[in-house]
Amino acid sequence: MADLKNRYDFVYIFDVQDGNPNGDPDAGNLPRIDAETGMGLVTDVCLKRKVRNYVQIAKNCTAGYDIFIKERAVLDSLVNNTYDYTEVKNASKDDKKKVAKKLLCQNYYDIRSFGAVIATKDKNDQVRGPIQMTFSRSVEPIVANEHSITRMAVTKEEDLEKERTMGRKATIPYGLYVCHGFVSANLANQTGFREDDLKLFWDALINMFDIDRSAARGLMSAQKLIVFKHDSELGNAPAHKLFDLVKIEKNTKNVARSFSDYSVTINKDNLPNGVTIEELI
């Protein structure tokens, strides 16, 4: 496994049709929205959850690819179990935390990728992960629709004669979202994140929606993954200058209802020296 020697910045573009990409529990699970602009939002936590789910399925929790933040995980127990490893027990008092942190990074893909706060009653530490992602923001304001739904069945026999149960379902007709991300080679070397881990991350972004289907989320699809690769660990240009090279424009006078209603262009002529670009989707 080769060490990561290059900084990466990336633009991830995905869309949703007739679904709720990321409900807000503080707003009755309506799609998240920027109250001032009306733009739709999807949190970085939401996308990282989908990456974790993909890795968990693709690698089946094989050695080195377990997931730390997963459903019903007891984090204190996972951390304490690591401190029971022979390597940690045999380490000096000053080195125990360092050795345990290294083992946690080796065992859990999401820790060495995204980092983690390791907090138990007597063990507190933090791992800074090499991969960071922004909130995703829609290209245009979204309109959330609420739909009434009914349930034909009842829970209890005594409810048979009652009227059908009514419910609500929130969707947006269509939204195109843009996420920006960063991969630090320096932090990757600290957590043991390597080239094959990065390839798995790209694979997850490309395929994760296909293993995360839900009636609530509608049709979500990865449309573009544009990767800027620097020829050094520190990088050769500011990330925001690279992101400005990617332009998304609406190419219809009608209300956008599909990805084909937009055009995505990349100004490759102004690409800074020392930076290459690859379109993985």
C-alpha atoms as a PDB file:
ATOM      1  CA  MET A   1       0.000   0.000   0.000  1.00  0.00           C
ATOM      2  CA  ALA A   2       1.524   3.281  -1.139  1.00  0.00           C
ATOM      3  CA  ASP A   3       1.560   6.340   1.083  1.00  0.00           C
ATOM      4  CA  LEU A   4      -0.403   9.384  -0.033  1.00  0.00           C
ATOM      5  CA  LYS A   5       2.015  11.911  -1.535  1.00  0.00           C
ATOM      6  CA  ASN A   6      -0.407  14.391  -3.089  1.00  0.00           C
ATOM      7  CA  ARG A   7      -3.048  16.820  -1.921  1.00  0.00           C
ATOM      8  CA  TYR A   8      -6.450  16.465  -3.562  1.00  0.00           C
ATOM      9  CA  ASP A   9      -9.448  18.759  -3.852  1.00  0.00           C
ATOM     10  CA  PHE A  10     -12.686  17.605  -5.421  1.00  0.00           C
ATOM     11  CA  VAL A  11     -16.121  18.706  -6.584  1.00  0.00           C
ATOM     12  CA  TYR A  12     -18.924  16.199  -6.115  1.00  0.00           C
ATOM     13  CA  ILE A  13     -22.215  16.850  -7.920  1.00  0.00           C
ATOM     14  CA  PHE A  14     -25.324  14.774  -7.271  1.00  0.00           C
ATOM     15  CA  ASP A  15     -29.043  15.188  -7.710  1.00  0.00           C
ATOM     16  CA  VAL A  16     -32.359  14.052  -6.283  1.00  0.00           C
ATOM     17  CA  GLN A  17     -35.677  13.588  -8.009  1.00  0.00           C
ATOM     18  CA  ASP A  18     -38.971  13.316  -6.094  1.00  0.00           C
ATOM     19  CA  GLY A  19     -37.260  12.649  -2.798  1.00  0.00           C
ATOM     20  CA  ASN A  20     -35.894  14.100   0.417  1.00  0.00           C
ATOM     21  CA  PRO A  21     -32.083  13.954   0.299  1.00  0.00           C
ATOM     22  CA  ASN A  22     -31.535  14.947   3.943  1.00  0.00           C
ATOM     23  CA  GLY A  23     -34.438  15.601   6.303  1.00  0.00           C
ATOM     24  CA  ASP A  24     -34.146  18.131   9.117  1.00  0.00           C
ATOM     25  CA  PRO A  25     -35.439  16.650  12.413  1.00  0.00           C
ATOM     26  CA  ASP A  26     -35.850  20.177  13.803  1.00  0.00           C
ATOM     27  CA  ALA A  27     -38.277  21.007  10.990  1.00  0.00           C
ATOM     28  CA  GLY A  28     -40.533  17.948  10.920  1.00  0.00           C
ATOM     29  CA  ASN A  29     -38.031  16.114   8.685  1.00  0.00           C
ATOM     30  CA  LEU A  30     -38.562  18.562   5.825  1.00  0.00           C
ATOM     31  CA  PRO A  31     -35.644  18.856   3.378  1.00  0.00           C
ATOM     32  CA  ARG A  32     -32.870  21.000   4.828  1.00  0.00           C
ATOM     33  CA  ILE A  33     -32.853  24.529   3.473  1.00  0.00           C
ATOM     34  CA  ASP A  34     -30.947  27.790   3.745  1.00  0.00           C
ATOM     35  CA  ALA A  35     -33.657  30.041   5.159  1.00  0.00           C
ATOM     36  CA  GLU A  36     -32.175  33.177   3.576  1.00  0.00           C
ATOM     37  CA  THR A  37     -31.676  31.923   0.016  1.00  0.00           C
ATOM     38  CA  GLY A  38     -33.994  28.934  -0.294  1.00  0.00           C
ATOM     39  CA  MET A  39     -31.106  26.744  -1.425  1.00  0.00           C
ATOM     40  CA  GLY A  40     -31.269  23.114  -0.376  1.00  0.00           C
ATOM     41  CA  LEU A  41     -28.642  21.693   1.970  1.00  0.00           C
ATOM     42  CA  VAL A  42     -27.234  18.218   2.587  1.00  0.00           C
ATOM     43  CA  THR A  43     -24.864  17.878   5.535  1.00  0.00           C
ATOM     44  CA  ASP A  44     -21.392  16.411   5.345  1.00  0.00           C
ATOM     45  CA  VAL A  45     -22.488  13.961   8.055  1.00  0.00           C
ATOM     46  CA  CYS A  46     -25.188  12.609   5.729  1.00  0.00           C
ATOM     47  CA  LEU A  47     -22.722  11.904   2.908  1.00  0.00           C
ATOM     48  CA  LYS A  48     -20.116  10.414   5.257  1.00  0.00           C
ATOM     49  CA  ARG A  49     -22.791   8.062   6.573  1.00  0.00           C
ATOM     50  CA  LYS A  50     -23.379   6.797   3.040  1.00  0.00           C
ATOM     51  CA  VAL A  51     -19.636   6.350   2.506  1.00  0.00           C
ATOM     52  CA  ARG A  52     -19.429   4.338   5.729  1.00  0.00           C
ATOM     53  CA  ASN A  53     -22.353   2.161   4.651  1.00  0.00           C
ATOM     54  CA  TYR A  54     -20.737   1.505   1.268  1.00  0.00           C
ATOM     55  CA  VAL A  55     -17.393   0.526   2.800  1.00  0.00           C
ATOM     56  CA  GLN A  56     -19.130  -1.704   5.337  1.00  0.00           C
ATOM     57  CA  ILE A  57     -20.866  -3.603   2.529  1.00  0.00           C
ATOM     58  CA  ALA A  58     -18.007  -3.577   0.012  1.00  0.00           C
ATOM     59  CA  LYS A  59     -15.372  -4.754   2.496  1.00  0.00           C
ATOM     60  CA  ASN A  60     -17.695  -6.724   4.797  1.00  0.00           C
ATOM     61  CA  CYS A  61     -15.780  -5.430   7.833  1.00  0.00           C
ATOM     62  CA  THR A  62     -12.612  -7.258   6.855  1.00  0.00           C
ATOM     63  CA  ALA A  63      -9.468  -6.491   8.824  1.00  0.00           C
ATOM     64  CA  GLY A  64      -8.601  -2.828   8.543  1.00  0.00           C
ATOM     65  CA  TYR A  65     -11.975  -1.865   7.104  1.00  0.00           C
ATOM     66  CA  ASP A  66     -14.305  -2.007  10.078  1.00  0.00           C
ATOM     67  CA  ILE A  67     -16.495   1.024  10.763  1.00  0.00           C
ATOM     68  CA  PHE A  68     -16.273   2.862  14.073  1.00  0.00           C
ATOM     69  CA  ILE A  69     -19.437   4.987  13.772  1.00  0.00           C
ATOM     70  CA  LYS A  70     -22.125   2.478  12.872  1.00  0.00           C
ATOM     71  CA  GLU A  71     -25.597   1.531  14.046  1.00  0.00           C
ATOM     72  CA  ARG A  72     -25.749   0.232  17.630  1.00  0.00           C
ATOM     73  CA  ALA A  73     -22.009   0.609  18.117  1.00  0.00           C
ATOM     74  CA  VAL A  74     -20.920   1.151  21.735  1.00  0.00           C
ATOM     75  CA  LEU A  75     -17.963   3.455  21.226  1.00  0.00           C
ATOM     76  CA  ASP A  76     -16.637   3.221  24.792  1.00  0.00           C
ATOM     77  CA  SER A  77     -16.391  -0.547  24.430  1.00  0.00           C
ATOM     78  CA  LEU A  78     -14.600  -0.302  21.082  1.00  0.00           C
ATOM     79  CA  VAL A  79     -12.043   2.100  22.523  1.00  0.00           C
ATOM     80  CA  ASN A  80     -11.579   0.092  25.726  1.00  0.00           C
ATOM     81  CA  ASN A  81     -11.143  -3.115  23.715  1.00  0.00           C
ATOM     82  CA  THR A  82      -8.326  -1.432  21.813  1.00  0.00           C
ATOM     83  CA  TYR A  83      -6.591  -0.583  25.079  1.00  0.00           C
ATOM     84  CA  ASP A  84      -6.703  -4.313  25.893  1.00  0.00           C
ATOM     85  CA  TYR A  85      -4.496  -5.128  22.897  1.00  0.00           C
ATOM     86  CA  THR A  86      -1.089  -6.523  23.815  1.00  0.00           C
ATOM     87  CA  GLU A  87       0.700  -3.706  21.982  1.00  0.00           C
ATOM     88  CA  VAL A  88      -1.014  -1.125  24.172  1.00  0.00           C
ATOM     89  CA  LYS A  89      -0.540  -3.053  27.415  1.00  0.00           C
ATOM     90  CA  ASN A  90       3.177  -3.467  26.709  1.00  0.00           C
ATOM     91  CA  ALA A  91       3.658   0.192  25.802  1.00  0.00           C
ATOM     92  CA  SER A  92       5.006   2.671  28.320  1.00  0.00           C
ATOM     93  CA  LYS A  93       2.532   4.819  30.218  1.00  0.00           C
ATOM     94  CA  ASP A  94       3.366   7.836  28.051  1.00  0.00           C
ATOM     95  CA  ASP A  95       2.968   5.880  24.807  1.00  0.00           C
ATOM     96  CA  LYS A  96      -0.276   3.978  25.509  1.00  0.00           C
ATOM     97  CA  LYS A  97      -2.518   6.663  24.016  1.00  0.00           C
ATOM     98  CA  LYS A  98      -0.310   6.982  20.935  1.00  0.00           C
ATOM     99  CA  VAL A  99      -0.266   3.223  20.320  1.00  0.00           C
ATOM    100  CA  ALA A 100      -4.027   2.924  20.891  1.00  0.00           C
ATOM    101  CA  LYS A 101      -4.702   5.757  18.449  1.00  0.00           C
ATOM    102  CA  LYS A 102      -2.551   4.039  15.825  1.00  0.00           C
ATOM    103  CA  LEU A 103      -4.461   0.771  16.276  1.00  0.00           C
ATOM    104  CA  LEU A 104      -7.816   2.535  16.031  1.00  0.00           C
ATOM    105  CA  CYS A 105      -6.720   4.096  12.739  1.00  0.00           C
ATOM    106  CA  GLN A 106      -5.499   0.731  11.456  1.00  0.00           C
ATOM    107  CA  ASN A 107      -8.706  -1.092  12.372  1.00  0.00           C
ATOM    108  CA  TYR A 108     -11.374   1.459  11.418  1.00  0.00           C
ATOM    109  CA  TYR A 109     -11.579   2.885   7.927  1.00  0.00           C
ATOM    110  CA  ASP A 110     -13.739   5.843   8.939  1.00  0.00           C
ATOM    111  CA  ILE A 111     -11.327   6.937  11.688  1.00  0.00           C
ATOM    112  CA  ARG A 112      -8.290   7.032   9.398  1.00  0.00           C
ATOM    113  CA  SER A 113     -10.423   8.731   6.700  1.00  0.00           C
ATOM    114  CA  PHE A 114     -12.615  11.239   8.545  1.00  0.00           C
ATOM    115  CA  GLY A 115     -11.052  11.299  11.986  1.00  0.00           C
ATOM    116  CA  ALA A 116     -12.926  10.873  15.267  1.00  0.00           C
ATOM    117  CA  VAL A 117     -13.371  12.211  18.755  1.00  0.00           C
ATOM    118  CA  ILE A 118     -12.343   9.431  21.121  1.00  0.00           C
ATOM    119  CA  ALA A 119     -13.956  10.209  24.433  1.00  0.00           C
ATOM    120  CA  THR A 120     -14.573   7.754  27.256  1.00  0.00           C
ATOM    121  CA  LYS A 121     -14.609   8.166  31.019  1.00  0.00           C
ATOM    122  CA  ASP A 122     -10.834   8.092  31.312  1.00  0.00           C
ATOM    123  CA  LYS A 123      -9.594   8.137  27.703  1.00  0.00           C
ATOM    124  CA  ASN A 124      -9.919  11.336  25.699  1.00  0.00           C
ATOM    125  CA  ASP A 125      -8.263  12.045  22.394  1.00  0.00           C
ATOM    126  CA  GLN A 126      -8.940  13.258  18.888  1.00  0.00           C
ATOM    127  CA  VAL A 127      -7.889  12.043  15.457  1.00  0.00           C
ATOM    128  CA  ARG A 128      -7.876  14.567  12.628  1.00  0.00           C
ATOM    129  CA  GLY A 129      -8.893  12.837   9.420  1.00  0.00           C
ATOM    130  CA  PRO A 130      -7.434  13.664   5.989  1.00  0.00           C
ATOM    131  CA  ILE A 131     -10.829  13.818   4.256  1.00  0.00           C
ATOM    132  CA  GLN A 132     -13.091  16.771   4.909  1.00  0.00           C
ATOM    133  CA  MET A 133     -16.287  17.676   3.079  1.00  0.00           C
ATOM    134  CA  THR A 134     -18.484  20.759   3.039  1.00  0.00           C
ATOM    135  CA  PHE A 135     -22.259  20.931   3.264  1.00  0.00           C
ATOM    136  CA  SER A 136     -23.745  20.299  -0.181  1.00  0.00           C
ATOM    137  CA  ARG A 137     -25.734  23.218  -1.538  1.00  0.00           C
ATOM    138  CA  SER A 138     -28.285  23.143  -4.345  1.00  0.00           C
ATOM    139  CA  VAL A 139     -27.584  25.096  -7.524  1.00  0.00           C
ATOM    140  CA  GLU A 140     -31.039  26.677  -7.419  1.00  0.00           C
ATOM    141  CA  PRO A 141     -33.617  27.226  -4.664  1.00  0.00           C
ATOM    142  CA  ILE A 142     -35.648  24.137  -3.882  1.00  0.00           C
ATOM    143  CA  VAL A 143     -39.376  23.814  -3.328  1.00  0.00           C
ATOM    144  CA  ALA A 144     -40.461  21.273  -0.723  1.00  0.00           C
ATOM    145  CA  ASN A 145     -43.788  19.556  -1.338  1.00  0.00           C
ATOM    146  CA  GLU A 146     -45.734  17.738   1.342  1.00  0.00           C
ATOM    147  CA  HIS A 147     -47.879  14.802   0.249  1.00  0.00           C
ATOM    148  CA  SER A 148     -50.697  13.180   2.200  1.00  0.00           C
ATOM    149  CA  ILE A 149     -50.411   9.408   2.433  1.00  0.00           C
ATOM    150  CA  THR A 150     -52.729   6.754   3.883  1.00  0.00           C
ATOM    151  CA  ARG A 151     -52.189   3.368   5.460  1.00  0.00           C
ATOM    152  CA  MET A 152     -54.592   0.571   4.522  1.00  0.00           C
ATOM    153  CA  ALA A 153     -53.673  -1.707   7.454  1.00  0.00           C
ATOM    154  CA  VAL A 154     -54.157  -1.145  11.181  1.00  0.00           C
ATOM    155  CA  THR A 155     -51.966  -2.059  14.127  1.00  0.00           C
ATOM    156  CA  LYS A 156     -54.637  -3.427  16.459  1.00  0.00           C
ATOM    157  CA  GLU A 157     -57.777  -5.436  15.734  1.00  0.00           C
ATOM    158  CA  GLU A 158     -59.982  -2.971  17.598  1.00  0.00           C
ATOM    159  CA  ASP A 159     -58.971  -0.286  15.087  1.00  0.00           C
ATOM    160  CA  LEU A 160     -60.468  -2.137  12.113  1.00  0.00           C
ATOM    161  CA  GLU A 161     -63.523   0.067  11.917  1.00  0.00           C
ATOM    162  CA  LYS A 162     -61.646   3.327  12.248  1.00  0.00           C
ATOM    163  CA  GLU A 163     -60.776   5.566   9.338  1.00  0.00           C
ATOM    164  CA  ARG A 164     -57.516   5.016   7.545  1.00  0.00           C
ATOM    165  CA  THR A 165     -54.426   6.461   9.183  1.00  0.00           C
ATOM    166  CA  MET A 166     -53.171   9.616   7.498  1.00  0.00           C
ATOM    167  CA  GLY A 167     -49.543  10.623   7.210  1.00  0.00           C
ATOM    168  CA  ARG A 168     -47.279  13.156   5.474  1.00  0.00           C
ATOM    169  CA  LYS A 169     -44.307  12.760   3.166  1.00  0.00           C
ATOM    170  CA  ALA A 170     -42.001  15.595   2.086  1.00  0.00           C
ATOM    171  CA  THR A 171     -40.146  15.645  -1.231  1.00  0.00           C
ATOM    172  CA  ILE A 172     -38.551  18.078  -3.651  1.00  0.00           C
ATOM    173  CA  PRO A 173     -39.378  17.639  -7.367  1.00  0.00           C
ATOM    174  CA  TYR A 174     -35.733  18.063  -8.384  1.00  0.00           C
ATOM    175  CA  GLY A 175     -32.525  19.438  -6.951  1.00  0.00           C
ATOM    176  CA  LEU A 176     -28.911  19.495  -8.143  1.00  0.00           C
ATOM    177  CA  TYR A 177     -26.425  19.655  -5.262  1.00  0.00           C
ATOM    178  CA  VAL A 178     -22.718  20.516  -5.151  1.00  0.00           C
ATOM    179  CA  CYS A 179     -20.274  19.382  -2.464  1.00  0.00           C
ATOM    180  CA  HIS A 180     -16.627  20.403  -2.152  1.00  0.00           C
ATOM    181  CA  GLY A 181     -14.048  18.162  -0.539  1.00  0.00           C
ATOM    182  CA  PHE A 182     -10.419  18.086   0.482  1.00  0.00           C
ATOM    183  CA  VAL A 183      -7.834  15.344   1.032  1.00  0.00           C
ATOM    184  CA  SER A 184      -4.729  16.235   3.054  1.00  0.00           C
ATOM    185  CA  ALA A 185      -1.641  14.131   2.383  1.00  0.00           C
ATOM    186  CA  ASN A 186      -0.066  15.356   5.614  1.00  0.00           C
ATOM    187  CA  LEU A 187      -2.969  14.159   7.767  1.00  0.00           C
ATOM    188  CA  ALA A 188      -3.215  10.969   5.697  1.00  0.00           C
ATOM    189  CA  ASN A 189       0.310  10.040   6.699  1.00  0.00           C
ATOM    190  CA  GLN A 190      -0.596  10.637  10.340  1.00  0.00           C
ATOM    191  CA  THR A 191      -3.590   8.281  10.276  1.00  0.00           C
ATOM    192  CA  GLY A 192      -2.215   5.689   7.843  1.00  0.00           C
ATOM    193  CA  PHE A 193      -4.672   6.610   5.071  1.00  0.00           C
ATOM    194  CA  ARG A 194      -3.125   5.321   1.835  1.00  0.00           C
ATOM    195  CA  GLU A 195      -3.681   5.252  -1.914  1.00  0.00           C
ATOM    196  CA  ASP A 196      -5.934   2.174  -1.813  1.00  0.00           C
ATOM    197  CA  ASP A 197      -8.052   3.841   0.890  1.00  0.00           C
ATOM    198  CA  LEU A 198      -8.443   6.864  -1.370  1.00  0.00           C
ATOM    199  CA  LYS A 199      -9.529   4.684  -4.297  1.00  0.00           C
ATOM    200  CA  LEU A 200     -12.142   3.078  -2.046  1.00  0.00           C
ATOM    201  CA  PHE A 201     -13.393   6.546  -1.106  1.00  0.00           C
ATOM    202  CA  TRP A 202     -13.760   7.524  -4.785  1.00  0.00           C
ATOM    203  CA  ASP A 203     -15.581   4.231  -5.426  1.00  0.00           C
ATOM    204  CA  ALA A 204     -17.936   5.005  -2.546  1.00  0.00           C
ATOM    205  CA  LEU A 205     -18.815   8.459  -3.906  1.00  0.00           C
ATOM    206  CA  ILE A 206     -19.488   6.958  -7.331  1.00  0.00           C
ATOM    207  CA  ASN A 207     -21.609   3.999  -6.165  1.00  0.00           C
ATOM    208  CA  MET A 208     -22.998   4.735  -2.694  1.00  0.00           C
ATOM    209  CA  PHE A 209     -26.430   5.954  -3.780  1.00  0.00           C
ATOM    210  CA  ASP A 210     -27.067   2.648  -5.544  1.00  0.00           C
ATOM    211  CA  ILE A 211     -26.869   0.730  -2.263  1.00  0.00           C
ATOM    212  CA  ASP A 212     -28.789   3.337  -0.277  1.00  0.00           C
ATOM    213  CA  ARG A 213     -32.145   3.301  -2.013  1.00  0.00           C
ATOM    214  CA  SER A 214     -35.132   4.457   0.002  1.00  0.00           C
ATOM    215  CA  ALA A 215     -38.685   5.491  -0.819  1.00  0.00           C
ATOM    216  CA  ALA A 216     -38.104   8.655   1.211  1.00  0.00           C
ATOM    217  CA  ARG A 217     -34.991   9.668  -0.743  1.00  0.00           C
ATOM    218  CA  GLY A 218     -36.473   9.213  -4.202  1.00  0.00           C
ATOM    219  CA  LEU A 219     -34.000   8.927  -7.058  1.00  0.00           C
ATOM    220  CA  MET A 220     -30.573  10.124  -5.942  1.00  0.00           C
ATOM    221  CA  SER A 221     -27.682   9.866  -8.406  1.00  0.00           C
ATOM    222  CA  ALA A 222     -24.003  10.794  -8.498  1.00  0.00           C
ATOM    223  CA  GLN A 223     -23.571  12.917 -11.627  1.00  0.00           C
ATOM    224  CA  LYS A 224     -20.029  14.327 -11.515  1.00  0.00           C
ATOM    225  CA  LEU A 225     -16.854  13.704  -9.516  1.00  0.00           C
ATOM    226  CA  ILE A 226     -14.137  16.137 -10.536  1.00  0.00           C
ATOM    227  CA  VAL A 227     -10.785  15.588  -8.815  1.00  0.00           C
ATOM    228  CA  PHE A 228      -7.923  18.079  -8.715  1.00  0.00           C
ATOM    229  CA  LYS A 229      -4.584  16.407  -7.943  1.00  0.00           C
ATOM    230  CA  HIS A 230      -1.634  18.502  -6.754  1.00  0.00           C
ATOM    231  CA  ASP A 231       1.900  17.314  -7.395  1.00  0.00           C
ATOM    232  CA  SER A 232       2.910  18.014  -3.790  1.00  0.00           C
ATOM    233  CA  GLU A 233       1.680  17.375  -0.256  1.00  0.00           C
ATOM    234  CA  LEU A 234       1.054  21.059   0.460  1.00  0.00           C
ATOM    235  CA  GLY A 235      -0.632  21.752  -2.855  1.00  0.00           C
ATOM    236  CA  ASN A 236       0.016  24.090  -5.774  1.00  0.00           C
ATOM    237  CA  ALA A 237      -3.053  26.340  -5.715  1.00  0.00           C
ATOM    238  CA  PRO A 238      -5.808  27.434  -3.313  1.00  0.00           C
ATOM    239  CA  ALA A 239      -8.775  25.075  -3.368  1.00  0.00           C
ATOM    240  CA  HIS A 240     -11.336  27.824  -3.972  1.00  0.00           C
ATOM    241  CA  LYS A 241      -9.472  28.925  -7.113  1.00  0.00           C
ATOM    242  CA  LEU A 242      -9.729  25.385  -8.467  1.00  0.00           C
ATOM    243  CA  PHE A 243     -13.409  25.144  -7.592  1.00  0.00           C
ATOM    244  CA  ASP A 244     -14.019  28.399  -9.516  1.00  0.00           C
ATOM    245  CA  LEU A 245     -12.898  26.603 -12.681  1.00  0.00           C
ATOM    246  CA  VAL A 246     -16.039  24.447 -12.511  1.00  0.00           C
ATOM    247  CA  LYS A 247     -19.160  26.189 -13.801  1.00  0.00           C
ATOM    248  CA  ILE A 248     -22.727  24.877 -13.655  1.00  0.00           C
ATOM    249  CA  GLU A 249     -25.261  26.610 -15.865  1.00  0.00           C
ATOM    250  CA  LYS A 250     -28.901  25.972 -16.564  1.00  0.00           C
ATOM    251  CA  ASN A 251     -29.515  25.351 -20.259  1.00  0.00           C
ATOM    252  CA  THR A 252     -33.324  25.489 -20.337  1.00  0.00           C
ATOM    253  CA  LYS A 253     -35.871  28.235 -19.805  1.00  0.00           C
ATOM    254  CA  ASN A 254     -38.190  25.738 -18.137  1.00  0.00           C
ATOM    255  CA  VAL A 255     -38.054  24.589 -14.542  1.00  0.00           C
ATOM    256  CA  ALA A 256     -35.168  22.142 -14.206  1.00  0.00           C
ATOM    257  CA  ARG A 257     -36.312  18.565 -13.688  1.00  0.00           C
ATOM    258  CA  SER A 258     -33.239  16.529 -14.669  1.00  0.00           C
ATOM    259  CA  PHE A 259     -29.451  16.733 -14.856  1.00  0.00           C
ATOM    260  CA  SER A 260     -29.699  17.238 -18.615  1.00  0.00           C
ATOM    261  CA  ASP A 261     -31.230  20.653 -17.886  1.00  0.00           C
ATOM    262  CA  TYR A 262     -27.775  21.794 -16.728  1.00  0.00           C
ATOM    263  CA  SER A 263     -24.351  21.931 -18.310  1.00  0.00           C
ATOM    264  CA  VAL A 264     -21.116  21.459 -16.351  1.00  0.00           C
ATOM    265  CA  THR A 265     -17.950  22.949 -17.815  1.00  0.00           C
ATOM    266  CA  ILE A 266     -14.352  22.976 -16.555  1.00  0.00           C
ATOM    267  CA  ASN A 267     -11.956  25.756 -17.545  1.00  0.00           C
ATOM    268  CA  LYS A 268      -8.932  23.534 -18.073  1.00  0.00           C
ATOM    269  CA  ASP A 269      -7.007  26.266 -19.900  1.00  0.00           C
ATOM    270  CA  ASN A 270      -6.512  28.141 -16.627  1.00  0.00           C
ATOM    271  CA  LEU A 271      -5.480  25.120 -14.585  1.00  0.00           C
ATOM    272  CA  PRO A 272      -2.517  26.145 -12.371  1.00  0.00           C
ATOM    273  CA  ASN A 273       0.896  24.566 -12.860  1.00  0.00           C
ATOM    274  CA  GLY A 274       1.377  21.439 -10.802  1.00  0.00           C
ATOM    275  CA  VAL A 275      -2.328  20.558 -10.757  1.00  0.00           C
ATOM    276  CA  THR A 276      -3.955  17.888 -12.903  1.00  0.00           C
ATOM    277  CA  ILE A 277      -7.623  17.122 -13.241  1.00  0.00           C
ATOM    278  CA  GLU A 278      -9.540  13.867 -13.588  1.00  0.00           C
ATOM    279  CA  GLU A 279     -13.259  13.356 -14.114  1.00  0.00           C
ATOM    280  CA  LEU A 280     -14.134  10.085 -12.365  1.00  0.00           C
ATOM    281  CA  ILE A 281     -17.792  10.451 -13.386  1.00  0.00           C
END
